[in-house]
């Protein structure tokens, strides 16, 4: 359902004009997701995606991009999400890129009280 990819795999799944924009970003991780078994995107993103401040999402043309973007925002608040359609992605696939925060951005830290 979820496959971790290398940054070197991006040209296989992302259109060239979008890829030139991505190279400027600091990429932490890349995930290719098969949506065939996902019934609730928000719950899926809550449980299966690592936390990050910035996500870039590429969606195949058969998946409603607004649904994916809204589900990501609800599941991983606070964050910055960019969503694009990619003609290179097979049907039913989402490519999610976790971007490293820039120097001036802080990563949210969850604190727990010692018991």
PDB file of N, CA and C in Angstrom:
ATOM      1  N   UNK A   1       0.821  -1.187   0.000  1.00  0.00           N
ATOM      2  CA  UNK A   1       0.000   0.000   0.000  1.00  0.00           C
ATOM      3  C   UNK A   1       0.870   1.258   0.000  1.00  0.00           C
ATOM      4  N   UNK A   2       1.916   1.288   0.840  1.00  0.00           N
ATOM      5  CA  UNK A   2       2.834   2.431   0.887  1.00  0.00           C
ATOM      6  C   UNK A   2       4.235   1.935   0.568  1.00  0.00           C
ATOM      7  N   UNK A   3       4.874   2.598  -0.375  1.00  0.00           N
ATOM      8  CA  UNK A   3       6.236   2.226  -0.762  1.00  0.00           C
ATOM      9  C   UNK A   3       7.122   3.458  -0.625  1.00  0.00           C
ATOM     10  N   UNK A   4       8.212   3.309   0.088  1.00  0.00           N
ATOM     11  CA  UNK A   4       9.158   4.414   0.216  1.00  0.00           C
ATOM     12  C   UNK A   4      10.065   4.421  -1.008  1.00  0.00           C
ATOM     13  N   UNK A   5      10.233   5.613  -1.589  1.00  0.00           N
ATOM     14  CA  UNK A   5      11.046   5.761  -2.793  1.00  0.00           C
ATOM     15  C   UNK A   5      12.263   6.632  -2.525  1.00  0.00           C
ATOM     16  N   UNK A   6      13.191   6.553  -3.434  1.00  0.00           N
ATOM     17  CA  UNK A   6      14.360   7.429  -3.418  1.00  0.00           C
ATOM     18  C   UNK A   6      14.029   8.706  -4.186  1.00  0.00           C
ATOM     19  N   UNK A   7      14.741   9.764  -3.888  1.00  0.00           N
ATOM     20  CA  UNK A   7      14.594  11.014  -4.633  1.00  0.00           C
ATOM     21  C   UNK A   7      14.914  10.774  -6.107  1.00  0.00           C
ATOM     22  N   UNK A   8      15.782   9.824  -6.382  1.00  0.00           N
ATOM     23  CA  UNK A   8      16.159   9.509  -7.762  1.00  0.00           C
ATOM     24  C   UNK A   8      14.992   8.915  -8.556  1.00  0.00           C
ATOM     25  N   UNK A   9      13.960   8.404  -7.870  1.00  0.00           N
ATOM     26  CA  UNK A   9      12.789   7.831  -8.538  1.00  0.00           C
ATOM     27  C   UNK A   9      11.786   8.889  -8.992  1.00  0.00           C
ATOM     28  N   UNK A  10      11.919  10.110  -8.526  1.00  0.00           N
ATOM     29  CA  UNK A  10      10.934  11.155  -8.821  1.00  0.00           C
ATOM     30  C   UNK A  10      10.665  11.378 -10.313  1.00  0.00           C
ATOM     31  N   UNK A  11      11.678  11.383 -11.187  1.00  0.00           N
ATOM     32  CA  UNK A  11      11.387  11.608 -12.612  1.00  0.00           C
ATOM     33  C   UNK A  11      10.428  10.575 -13.223  1.00  0.00           C
ATOM     34  N   UNK A  12      10.312   9.415 -12.616  1.00  0.00           N
ATOM     35  CA  UNK A  12       9.389   8.396 -13.118  1.00  0.00           C
ATOM     36  C   UNK A  12       7.930   8.720 -12.806  1.00  0.00           C
ATOM     37  N   UNK A  13       7.697   9.584 -11.805  1.00  0.00           N
ATOM     38  CA  UNK A  13       6.337   9.833 -11.336  1.00  0.00           C
ATOM     39  C   UNK A  13       5.893  11.290 -11.416  1.00  0.00           C
ATOM     40  N   UNK A  14       6.831  12.206 -11.605  1.00  0.00           N
ATOM     41  CA  UNK A  14       6.505  13.636 -11.578  1.00  0.00           C
ATOM     42  C   UNK A  14       6.825  14.252 -12.934  1.00  0.00           C
ATOM     43  N   UNK A  15       5.889  15.045 -13.453  1.00  0.00           N
ATOM     44  CA  UNK A  15       6.100  15.733 -14.729  1.00  0.00           C
ATOM     45  C   UNK A  15       7.313  16.655 -14.636  1.00  0.00           C
ATOM     46  N   UNK A  16       8.030  16.791 -15.742  1.00  0.00           N
ATOM     47  CA  UNK A  16       9.299  17.528 -15.755  1.00  0.00           C
ATOM     48  C   UNK A  16       9.176  18.968 -15.278  1.00  0.00           C
ATOM     49  N   UNK A  17       8.119  19.674 -15.689  1.00  0.00           N
ATOM     50  CA  UNK A  17       7.977  21.069 -15.272  1.00  0.00           C
ATOM     51  C   UNK A  17       7.789  21.187 -13.761  1.00  0.00           C
ATOM     52  N   UNK A  18       7.115  20.225 -13.149  1.00  0.00           N
ATOM     53  CA  UNK A  18       6.951  20.231 -11.693  1.00  0.00           C
ATOM     54  C   UNK A  18       8.217  19.755 -10.993  1.00  0.00           C
ATOM     55  N   UNK A  19       8.938  18.878 -11.637  1.00  0.00           N
ATOM     56  CA  UNK A  19      10.164  18.344 -11.053  1.00  0.00           C
ATOM     57  C   UNK A  19      11.217  19.430 -10.867  1.00  0.00           C
ATOM     58  N   UNK A  20      11.294  20.370 -11.791  1.00  0.00           N
ATOM     59  CA  UNK A  20      12.283  21.443 -11.658  1.00  0.00           C
ATOM     60  C   UNK A  20      11.992  22.293 -10.429  1.00  0.00           C
ATOM     61  N   UNK A  21      10.724  22.447 -10.076  1.00  0.00           N
ATOM     62  CA  UNK A  21      10.368  23.166  -8.854  1.00  0.00           C
ATOM     63  C   UNK A  21      10.748  22.359  -7.620  1.00  0.00           C
ATOM     64  N   UNK A  22      10.583  21.047  -7.681  1.00  0.00           N
ATOM     65  CA  UNK A  22      10.860  20.186  -6.532  1.00  0.00           C
ATOM     66  C   UNK A  22      12.336  20.127  -6.190  1.00  0.00           C
ATOM     67  N   UNK A  23      13.193  20.224  -7.172  1.00  0.00           N
ATOM     68  CA  UNK A  23      14.624  20.133  -6.911  1.00  0.00           C
ATOM     69  C   UNK A  23      15.076  21.267  -5.994  1.00  0.00           C
ATOM     70  N   UNK A  24      14.366  22.374  -6.027  1.00  0.00           N
ATOM     71  CA  UNK A  24      14.710  23.508  -5.179  1.00  0.00           C
ATOM     72  C   UNK A  24      14.372  23.245  -3.716  1.00  0.00           C
ATOM     73  N   UNK A  25      13.488  22.321  -3.457  1.00  0.00           N
ATOM     74  CA  UNK A  25      13.067  22.016  -2.094  1.00  0.00           C
ATOM     75  C   UNK A  25      14.035  21.020  -1.456  1.00  0.00           C
ATOM     76  N   UNK A  26      14.099  21.074  -0.164  1.00  0.00           N
ATOM     77  CA  UNK A  26      14.849  20.067   0.579  1.00  0.00           C
ATOM     78  C   UNK A  26      13.918  18.880   0.799  1.00  0.00           C
ATOM     79  N   UNK A  27      14.254  17.737   0.254  1.00  0.00           N
ATOM     80  CA  UNK A  27      13.384  16.571   0.341  1.00  0.00           C
ATOM     81  C   UNK A  27      13.889  15.632   1.429  1.00  0.00           C
ATOM     82  N   UNK A  28      12.986  15.281   2.324  1.00  0.00           N
ATOM     83  CA  UNK A  28      13.311  14.386   3.418  1.00  0.00           C
ATOM     84  C   UNK A  28      12.955  12.936   3.070  1.00  0.00           C
ATOM     85  N   UNK A  29      11.720  12.709   2.615  1.00  0.00           N
ATOM     86  CA  UNK A  29      11.246  11.364   2.287  1.00  0.00           C
ATOM     87  C   UNK A  29      10.255  11.425   1.136  1.00  0.00           C
ATOM     88  N   UNK A  30      10.141  10.305   0.419  1.00  0.00           N
ATOM     89  CA  UNK A  30       9.200  10.203  -0.698  1.00  0.00           C
ATOM     90  C   UNK A  30       8.416   8.901  -0.527  1.00  0.00           C
ATOM     91  N   UNK A  31       7.084   9.000  -0.613  1.00  0.00           N
ATOM     92  CA  UNK A  31       6.219   7.836  -0.462  1.00  0.00           C
ATOM     93  C   UNK A  31       5.262   7.723  -1.638  1.00  0.00           C
ATOM     94  N   UNK A  32       5.155   6.531  -2.201  1.00  0.00           N
ATOM     95  CA  UNK A  32       4.179   6.234  -3.242  1.00  0.00           C
ATOM     96  C   UNK A  32       3.073   5.416  -2.590  1.00  0.00           C
ATOM     97  N   UNK A  33       1.845   5.902  -2.709  1.00  0.00           N
ATOM     98  CA  UNK A  33       0.719   5.292  -2.010  1.00  0.00           C
ATOM     99  C   UNK A  33      -0.292   4.770  -3.021  1.00  0.00           C
ATOM    100  N   UNK A  34      -0.679   3.516  -2.847  1.00  0.00           N
ATOM    101  CA  UNK A  34      -1.742   2.907  -3.637  1.00  0.00           C
ATOM    102  C   UNK A  34      -3.045   3.136  -2.876  1.00  0.00           C
ATOM    103  N   UNK A  35      -3.976   3.860  -3.467  1.00  0.00           N
ATOM    104  CA  UNK A  35      -5.202   4.249  -2.759  1.00  0.00           C
ATOM    105  C   UNK A  35      -6.325   3.224  -2.864  1.00  0.00           C
ATOM    106  N   UNK A  36      -6.107   2.116  -3.533  1.00  0.00           N
ATOM    107  CA  UNK A  36      -7.176   1.134  -3.737  1.00  0.00           C
ATOM    108  C   UNK A  36      -7.795   0.631  -2.431  1.00  0.00           C
ATOM    109  N   UNK A  37      -7.018   0.516  -1.383  1.00  0.00           N
ATOM    110  CA  UNK A  37      -7.518  -0.030  -0.123  1.00  0.00           C
ATOM    111  C   UNK A  37      -7.838   1.036   0.925  1.00  0.00           C
ATOM    112  N   UNK A  38      -7.735   2.296   0.564  1.00  0.00           N
ATOM    113  CA  UNK A  38      -7.978   3.371   1.529  1.00  0.00           C
ATOM    114  C   UNK A  38      -9.443   3.796   1.454  1.00  0.00           C
ATOM    115  N   UNK A  39     -10.137   3.701   2.591  1.00  0.00           N
ATOM    116  CA  UNK A  39     -11.535   4.137   2.624  1.00  0.00           C
ATOM    117  C   UNK A  39     -11.675   5.518   3.259  1.00  0.00           C
ATOM    118  N   UNK A  40     -10.718   5.884   4.116  1.00  0.00           N
ATOM    119  CA  UNK A  40     -10.761   7.183   4.781  1.00  0.00           C
ATOM    120  C   UNK A  40      -9.355   7.793   4.710  1.00  0.00           C
ATOM    121  N   UNK A  41      -9.179   8.765   3.833  1.00  0.00           N
ATOM    122  CA  UNK A  41      -7.851   9.361   3.629  1.00  0.00           C
ATOM    123  C   UNK A  41      -7.318  10.025   4.893  1.00  0.00           C
ATOM    124  N   UNK A  42      -8.172  10.739   5.606  1.00  0.00           N
ATOM    125  CA  UNK A  42      -7.717  11.456   6.799  1.00  0.00           C
ATOM    126  C   UNK A  42      -7.136  10.490   7.833  1.00  0.00           C
ATOM    127  N   UNK A  43      -7.835   9.402   8.117  1.00  0.00           N
ATOM    128  CA  UNK A  43      -7.325   8.413   9.077  1.00  0.00           C
ATOM    129  C   UNK A  43      -6.042   7.769   8.566  1.00  0.00           C
ATOM    130  N   UNK A  44      -5.988   7.507   7.273  1.00  0.00           N
ATOM    131  CA  UNK A  44      -4.777   6.927   6.700  1.00  0.00           C
ATOM    132  C   UNK A  44      -3.585   7.856   6.919  1.00  0.00           C
ATOM    133  N   UNK A  45      -3.743   9.143   6.587  1.00  0.00           N
ATOM    134  CA  UNK A  45      -2.644  10.095   6.734  1.00  0.00           C
ATOM    135  C   UNK A  45      -2.241  10.269   8.196  1.00  0.00           C
ATOM    136  N   UNK A  46      -3.204  10.236   9.112  1.00  0.00           N
ATOM    137  CA  UNK A  46      -2.900  10.345  10.544  1.00  0.00           C
ATOM    138  C   UNK A  46      -1.985   9.218  10.997  1.00  0.00           C
ATOM    139  N   UNK A  47      -2.266   8.017  10.520  1.00  0.00           N
ATOM    140  CA  UNK A  47      -1.580   6.834  11.033  1.00  0.00           C
ATOM    141  C   UNK A  47      -0.346   6.397  10.260  1.00  0.00           C
ATOM    142  N   UNK A  48      -0.267   6.697   8.987  1.00  0.00           N
ATOM    143  CA  UNK A  48       0.794   6.121   8.175  1.00  0.00           C
ATOM    144  C   UNK A  48       1.836   7.097   7.658  1.00  0.00           C
ATOM    145  N   UNK A  49       1.614   8.388   7.821  1.00  0.00           N
ATOM    146  CA  UNK A  49       2.605   9.352   7.347  1.00  0.00           C
ATOM    147  C   UNK A  49       3.382   9.938   8.512  1.00  0.00           C
ATOM    148  N   UNK A  50       4.698  10.005   8.399  1.00  0.00           N
ATOM    149  CA  UNK A  50       5.481  10.668   9.443  1.00  0.00           C
ATOM    150  C   UNK A  50       5.120  12.147   9.522  1.00  0.00           C
ATOM    151  N   UNK A  51       5.315  12.725  10.690  1.00  0.00           N
ATOM    152  CA  UNK A  51       5.031  14.150  10.864  1.00  0.00           C
ATOM    153  C   UNK A  51       6.066  14.993  10.137  1.00  0.00           C
ATOM    154  N   UNK A  52       5.602  16.071   9.587  1.00  0.00           N
ATOM    155  CA  UNK A  52       6.445  17.037   8.899  1.00  0.00           C
ATOM    156  C   UNK A  52       5.718  18.365   8.911  1.00  0.00           C
ATOM    157  N   UNK A  53       6.400  19.426   8.576  1.00  0.00           N
ATOM    158  CA  UNK A  53       5.764  20.734   8.482  1.00  0.00           C
ATOM    159  C   UNK A  53       5.293  20.976   7.062  1.00  0.00           C
ATOM    160  N   UNK A  54       6.028  20.471   6.092  1.00  0.00           N
ATOM    161  CA  UNK A  54       5.714  20.722   4.684  1.00  0.00           C
ATOM    162  C   UNK A  54       5.563  19.402   3.932  1.00  0.00           C
ATOM    163  N   UNK A  55       4.450  19.304   3.225  1.00  0.00           N
ATOM    164  CA  UNK A  55       4.200  18.148   2.372  1.00  0.00           C
ATOM    165  C   UNK A  55       3.969  18.642   0.951  1.00  0.00           C
ATOM    166  N   UNK A  56       4.497  17.925  -0.011  1.00  0.00           N
ATOM    167  CA  UNK A  56       4.162  18.160  -1.408  1.00  0.00           C
ATOM    168  C   UNK A  56       3.523  16.874  -1.900  1.00  0.00           C
ATOM    169  N   UNK A  57       2.360  17.010  -2.498  1.00  0.00           N
ATOM    170  CA  UNK A  57       1.572  15.850  -2.877  1.00  0.00           C
ATOM    171  C   UNK A  57       1.297  15.878  -4.376  1.00  0.00           C
ATOM    172  N   UNK A  58       1.548  14.754  -5.031  1.00  0.00           N
ATOM    173  CA  UNK A  58       1.215  14.596  -6.443  1.00  0.00           C
ATOM    174  C   UNK A  58       0.141  13.521  -6.532  1.00  0.00           C
ATOM    175  N   UNK A  59      -0.913  13.821  -7.276  1.00  0.00           N
ATOM    176  CA  UNK A  59      -2.080  12.954  -7.329  1.00  0.00           C
ATOM    177  C   UNK A  59      -2.322  12.538  -8.777  1.00  0.00           C
ATOM    178  N   UNK A  60      -2.713  11.281  -8.971  1.00  0.00           N
ATOM    179  CA  UNK A  60      -3.087  10.850 -10.325  1.00  0.00           C
ATOM    180  C   UNK A  60      -4.414  11.503 -10.699  1.00  0.00           C
ATOM    181  N   UNK A  61      -4.676  11.589 -11.982  1.00  0.00           N
ATOM    182  CA  UNK A  61      -5.828  12.353 -12.474  1.00  0.00           C
ATOM    183  C   UNK A  61      -7.180  11.767 -12.086  1.00  0.00           C
ATOM    184  N   UNK A  62      -7.233  10.517 -11.642  1.00  0.00           N
ATOM    185  CA  UNK A  62      -8.510   9.906 -11.274  1.00  0.00           C
ATOM    186  C   UNK A  62      -8.902  10.130  -9.814  1.00  0.00           C
ATOM    187  N   UNK A  63      -8.054  10.798  -9.048  1.00  0.00           N
ATOM    188  CA  UNK A  63      -8.324  11.047  -7.630  1.00  0.00           C
ATOM    189  C   UNK A  63      -8.625  12.530  -7.441  1.00  0.00           C
ATOM    190  N   UNK A  64      -9.686  12.864  -6.685  1.00  0.00           N
ATOM    191  CA  UNK A  64     -10.010  14.281  -6.464  1.00  0.00           C
ATOM    192  C   UNK A  64      -8.945  14.971  -5.605  1.00  0.00           C
ATOM    193  N   UNK A  65      -8.233  15.898  -6.200  1.00  0.00           N
ATOM    194  CA  UNK A  65      -7.108  16.561  -5.535  1.00  0.00           C
ATOM    195  C   UNK A  65      -7.555  17.337  -4.291  1.00  0.00           C
ATOM    196  N   UNK A  66      -8.739  17.935  -4.320  1.00  0.00           N
ATOM    197  CA  UNK A  66      -9.233  18.700  -3.174  1.00  0.00           C
ATOM    198  C   UNK A  66      -9.459  17.790  -1.972  1.00  0.00           C
ATOM    199  N   UNK A  67      -9.970  16.603  -2.211  1.00  0.00           N
ATOM    200  CA  UNK A  67     -10.193  15.643  -1.129  1.00  0.00           C
ATOM    201  C   UNK A  67      -8.880  15.275  -0.459  1.00  0.00           C
ATOM    202  N   UNK A  68      -7.857  15.026  -1.251  1.00  0.00           N
ATOM    203  CA  UNK A  68      -6.549  14.653  -0.707  1.00  0.00           C
ATOM    204  C   UNK A  68      -5.957  15.810   0.091  1.00  0.00           C
ATOM    205  N   UNK A  69      -5.988  17.005  -0.470  1.00  0.00           N
ATOM    206  CA  UNK A  69      -5.419  18.168   0.214  1.00  0.00           C
ATOM    207  C   UNK A  69      -6.129  18.423   1.539  1.00  0.00           C
ATOM    208  N   UNK A  70      -7.456  18.418   1.538  1.00  0.00           N
ATOM    209  CA  UNK A  70      -8.211  18.663   2.767  1.00  0.00           C
ATOM    210  C   UNK A  70      -7.974  17.574   3.807  1.00  0.00           C
ATOM    211  N   UNK A  71      -7.872  16.330   3.378  1.00  0.00           N
ATOM    212  CA  UNK A  71      -7.616  15.225   4.305  1.00  0.00           C
ATOM    213  C   UNK A  71      -6.237  15.341   4.934  1.00  0.00           C
ATOM    214  N   UNK A  72      -5.246  15.724   4.147  1.00  0.00           N
ATOM    215  CA  UNK A  72      -3.894  15.931   4.684  1.00  0.00           C
ATOM    216  C   UNK A  72      -3.879  17.052   5.712  1.00  0.00           C
ATOM    217  N   UNK A  73      -4.538  18.149   5.403  1.00  0.00           N
ATOM    218  CA  UNK A  73      -4.565  19.295   6.312  1.00  0.00           C
ATOM    219  C   UNK A  73      -5.235  18.916   7.630  1.00  0.00           C
ATOM    220  N   UNK A  74      -6.350  18.208   7.571  1.00  0.00           N
ATOM    221  CA  UNK A  74      -7.059  17.805   8.790  1.00  0.00           C
ATOM    222  C   UNK A  74      -6.243  16.811   9.610  1.00  0.00           C
ATOM    223  N   UNK A  75      -5.534  15.919   8.937  1.00  0.00           N
ATOM    224  CA  UNK A  75      -4.795  14.866   9.630  1.00  0.00           C
ATOM    225  C   UNK A  75      -3.487  15.341  10.223  1.00  0.00           C
ATOM    226  N   UNK A  76      -2.857  16.335   9.626  1.00  0.00           N
ATOM    227  CA  UNK A  76      -1.501  16.707  10.021  1.00  0.00           C
ATOM    228  C   UNK A  76      -1.353  18.190  10.356  1.00  0.00           C
ATOM    229  N   UNK A  77      -2.358  18.812  10.945  1.00  0.00           N
ATOM    230  CA  UNK A  77      -2.245  20.234  11.289  1.00  0.00           C
ATOM    231  C   UNK A  77      -1.153  20.421  12.318  1.00  0.00           C
ATOM    232  N   UNK A  78      -0.466  21.507  12.391  1.00  0.00           N
ATOM    233  CA  UNK A  78      -0.361  22.573  11.394  1.00  0.00           C
ATOM    234  C   UNK A  78       0.680  22.200  10.347  1.00  0.00           C
ATOM    235  N   UNK A  79       0.408  22.548   9.125  1.00  0.00           N
ATOM    236  CA  UNK A  79       1.357  22.232   8.066  1.00  0.00           C
ATOM    237  C   UNK A  79       1.116  23.069   6.832  1.00  0.00           C
ATOM    238  N   UNK A  80       2.028  22.928   5.902  1.00  0.00           N
ATOM    239  CA  UNK A  80       1.953  23.595   4.607  1.00  0.00           C
ATOM    240  C   UNK A  80       1.869  22.483   3.560  1.00  0.00           C
ATOM    241  N   UNK A  81       0.804  22.489   2.760  1.00  0.00           N
ATOM    242  CA  UNK A  81       0.596  21.443   1.761  1.00  0.00           C
ATOM    243  C   UNK A  81       0.512  22.057   0.376  1.00  0.00           C
ATOM    244  N   UNK A  82       1.244  21.463  -0.558  1.00  0.00           N
ATOM    245  CA  UNK A  82       1.112  21.816  -1.974  1.00  0.00           C
ATOM    246  C   UNK A  82       0.663  20.554  -2.692  1.00  0.00           C
ATOM    247  N   UNK A  83      -0.390  20.667  -3.498  1.00  0.00           N
ATOM    248  CA  UNK A  83      -0.893  19.506  -4.245  1.00  0.00           C
ATOM    249  C   UNK A  83      -0.890  19.793  -5.739  1.00  0.00           C
ATOM    250  N   UNK A  84      -0.482  18.790  -6.508  1.00  0.00           N
ATOM    251  CA  UNK A  84      -0.413  18.906  -7.960  1.00  0.00           C
ATOM    252  C   UNK A  84      -0.940  17.625  -8.599  1.00  0.00           C
ATOM    253  N   UNK A  85      -1.444  17.744  -9.806  1.00  0.00           N
ATOM    254  CA  UNK A  85      -1.773  16.568 -10.609  1.00  0.00           C
ATOM    255  C   UNK A  85      -0.535  16.180 -11.406  1.00  0.00           C
ATOM    256  N   UNK A  86      -0.280  14.885 -11.514  1.00  0.00           N
ATOM    257  CA  UNK A  86       0.844  14.418 -12.324  1.00  0.00           C
ATOM    258  C   UNK A  86       0.350  13.376 -13.320  1.00  0.00           C
ATOM    259  N   UNK A  87       0.598  13.627 -14.579  1.00  0.00           N
ATOM    260  CA  UNK A  87       0.166  12.691 -15.621  1.00  0.00           C
ATOM    261  C   UNK A  87       1.015  11.418 -15.632  1.00  0.00           C
ATOM    262  N   UNK A  88       2.155  11.429 -14.963  1.00  0.00           N
ATOM    263  CA  UNK A  88       3.034  10.257 -14.946  1.00  0.00           C
ATOM    264  C   UNK A  88       2.639   9.231 -13.883  1.00  0.00           C
ATOM    265  N   UNK A  89       1.812   9.634 -12.934  1.00  0.00           N
ATOM    266  CA  UNK A  89       1.413   8.694 -11.888  1.00  0.00           C
ATOM    267  C   UNK A  89       0.381   7.707 -12.427  1.00  0.00           C
ATOM    268  N   UNK A  90       0.541   6.420 -12.095  1.00  0.00           N
ATOM    269  CA  UNK A  90      -0.487   5.449 -12.481  1.00  0.00           C
ATOM    270  C   UNK A  90      -1.802   5.756 -11.753  1.00  0.00           C
ATOM    271  N   UNK A  91      -2.907   5.269 -12.283  1.00  0.00           N
ATOM    272  CA  UNK A  91      -4.212   5.493 -11.656  1.00  0.00           C
ATOM    273  C   UNK A  91      -4.208   4.976 -10.221  1.00  0.00           C
ATOM    274  N   UNK A  92      -4.902   5.720  -9.363  1.00  0.00           N
ATOM    275  CA  UNK A  92      -5.044   5.300  -7.977  1.00  0.00           C
ATOM    276  C   UNK A  92      -3.788   5.466  -7.144  1.00  0.00           C
ATOM    277  N   UNK A  93      -2.882   6.333  -7.564  1.00  0.00           N
ATOM    278  CA  UNK A  93      -1.629   6.530  -6.829  1.00  0.00           C
ATOM    279  C   UNK A  93      -1.479   7.979  -6.375  1.00  0.00           C
ATOM    280  N   UNK A  94      -0.860   8.124  -5.211  1.00  0.00           N
ATOM    281  CA  UNK A  94      -0.511   9.429  -4.660  1.00  0.00           C
ATOM    282  C   UNK A  94       0.973   9.371  -4.325  1.00  0.00           C
ATOM    283  N   UNK A  95       1.685  10.408  -4.654  1.00  0.00           N
ATOM    284  CA  UNK A  95       3.094  10.529  -4.296  1.00  0.00           C
ATOM    285  C   UNK A  95       3.190  11.655  -3.274  1.00  0.00           C
ATOM    286  N   UNK A  96       3.697  11.345  -2.088  1.00  0.00           N
ATOM    287  CA  UNK A  96       3.813  12.360  -1.048  1.00  0.00           C
ATOM    288  C   UNK A  96       5.279  12.555  -0.718  1.00  0.00           C
ATOM    289  N   UNK A  97       5.681  13.818  -0.730  1.00  0.00           N
ATOM    290  CA  UNK A  97       7.059  14.190  -0.428  1.00  0.00           C
ATOM    291  C   UNK A  97       7.060  14.986   0.861  1.00  0.00           C
ATOM    292  N   UNK A  98       7.871  14.556   1.812  1.00  0.00           N
ATOM    293  CA  UNK A  98       8.053  15.300   3.047  1.00  0.00           C
ATOM    294  C   UNK A  98       9.252  16.203   2.846  1.00  0.00           C
ATOM    295  N   UNK A  99       9.044  17.487   3.053  1.00  0.00           N
ATOM    296  CA  UNK A  99      10.106  18.465   2.868  1.00  0.00           C
ATOM    297  C   UNK A  99      10.741  18.801   4.208  1.00  0.00           C
ATOM    298  N   UNK A 100      12.047  18.905   4.204  1.00  0.00           N
ATOM    299  CA  UNK A 100      12.750  19.343   5.413  1.00  0.00           C
ATOM    300  C   UNK A 100      12.409  20.797   5.676  1.00  0.00           C
ATOM    301  N   UNK A 101      12.237  21.148   6.948  1.00  0.00           N
ATOM    302  CA  UNK A 101      11.974  22.562   7.239  1.00  0.00           C
ATOM    303  C   UNK A 101      13.196  23.406   6.933  1.00  0.00           C
ATOM    304  N   UNK A 102      12.942  24.627   6.510  1.00  0.00           N
ATOM    305  CA  UNK A 102      14.037  25.565   6.288  1.00  0.00           C
ATOM    306  C   UNK A 102      14.573  26.006   7.642  1.00  0.00           C
ATOM    307  N   UNK A 103      15.721  26.628   7.655  1.00  0.00           N
ATOM    308  CA  UNK A 103      16.377  26.998   8.907  1.00  0.00           C
ATOM    309  C   UNK A 103      15.505  27.848   9.824  1.00  0.00           C
ATOM    310  N   UNK A 104      14.664  28.696   9.254  1.00  0.00           N
ATOM    311  CA  UNK A 104      13.878  29.596  10.089  1.00  0.00           C
ATOM    312  C   UNK A 104      12.554  28.984  10.546  1.00  0.00           C
ATOM    313  N   UNK A 105      12.262  27.734  10.186  1.00  0.00           N
ATOM    314  CA  UNK A 105      11.030  27.078  10.596  1.00  0.00           C
ATOM    315  C   UNK A 105      11.316  26.130  11.747  1.00  0.00           C
ATOM    316  N   UNK A 106      10.385  26.085  12.672  1.00  0.00           N
ATOM    317  CA  UNK A 106      10.537  25.205  13.818  1.00  0.00           C
ATOM    318  C   UNK A 106       9.670  23.973  13.639  1.00  0.00           C
ATOM    319  N   UNK A 107      10.205  22.849  14.052  1.00  0.00           N
ATOM    320  CA  UNK A 107       9.436  21.612  14.019  1.00  0.00           C
ATOM    321  C   UNK A 107       8.635  21.537  15.311  1.00  0.00           C
ATOM    322  N   UNK A 108       7.303  21.281  15.213  1.00  0.00           N
ATOM    323  CA  UNK A 108       6.518  21.184  16.439  1.00  0.00           C
ATOM    324  C   UNK A 108       6.973  20.004  17.280  1.00  0.00           C
ATOM    325  N   UNK A 109       7.064  20.227  18.567  1.00  0.00           N
ATOM    326  CA  UNK A 109       7.495  19.181  19.487  1.00  0.00           C
ATOM    327  C   UNK A 109       6.341  18.874  20.424  1.00  0.00           C
ATOM    328  N   UNK A 110       6.012  17.612  20.536  1.00  0.00           N
ATOM    329  CA  UNK A 110       4.962  17.202  21.454  1.00  0.00           C
ATOM    330  C   UNK A 110       5.613  16.876  22.781  1.00  0.00           C
ATOM    331  N   UNK A 111       5.141  17.529  23.832  1.00  0.00           N
ATOM    332  CA  UNK A 111       5.696  17.283  25.156  1.00  0.00           C
ATOM    333  C   UNK A 111       4.740  16.412  25.947  1.00  0.00           C
ATOM    334  N   UNK A 112       5.300  15.514  26.721  1.00  0.00           N
ATOM    335  CA  UNK A 112       4.483  14.684  27.599  1.00  0.00           C
ATOM    336  C   UNK A 112       4.890  14.953  29.030  1.00  0.00           C
ATOM    337  N   UNK A 113       3.936  14.880  29.906  1.00  0.00           N
ATOM    338  CA  UNK A 113       4.225  15.079  31.325  1.00  0.00           C
ATOM    339  C   UNK A 113       4.690  13.768  31.921  1.00  0.00           C
ATOM    340  N   UNK A 114       5.783  13.796  32.687  1.00  0.00           N
ATOM    341  CA  UNK A 114       6.242  12.556  33.319  1.00  0.00           C
ATOM    342  C   UNK A 114       5.232  12.103  34.364  1.00  0.00           C
ATOM    343  N   UNK A 115       4.987  10.814  34.420  1.00  0.00           N
ATOM    344  CA  UNK A 115       4.015  10.291  35.395  1.00  0.00           C
ATOM    345  C   UNK A 115       4.719   9.686  36.573  1.00  0.00           C
TER     346      UNK A 115
END
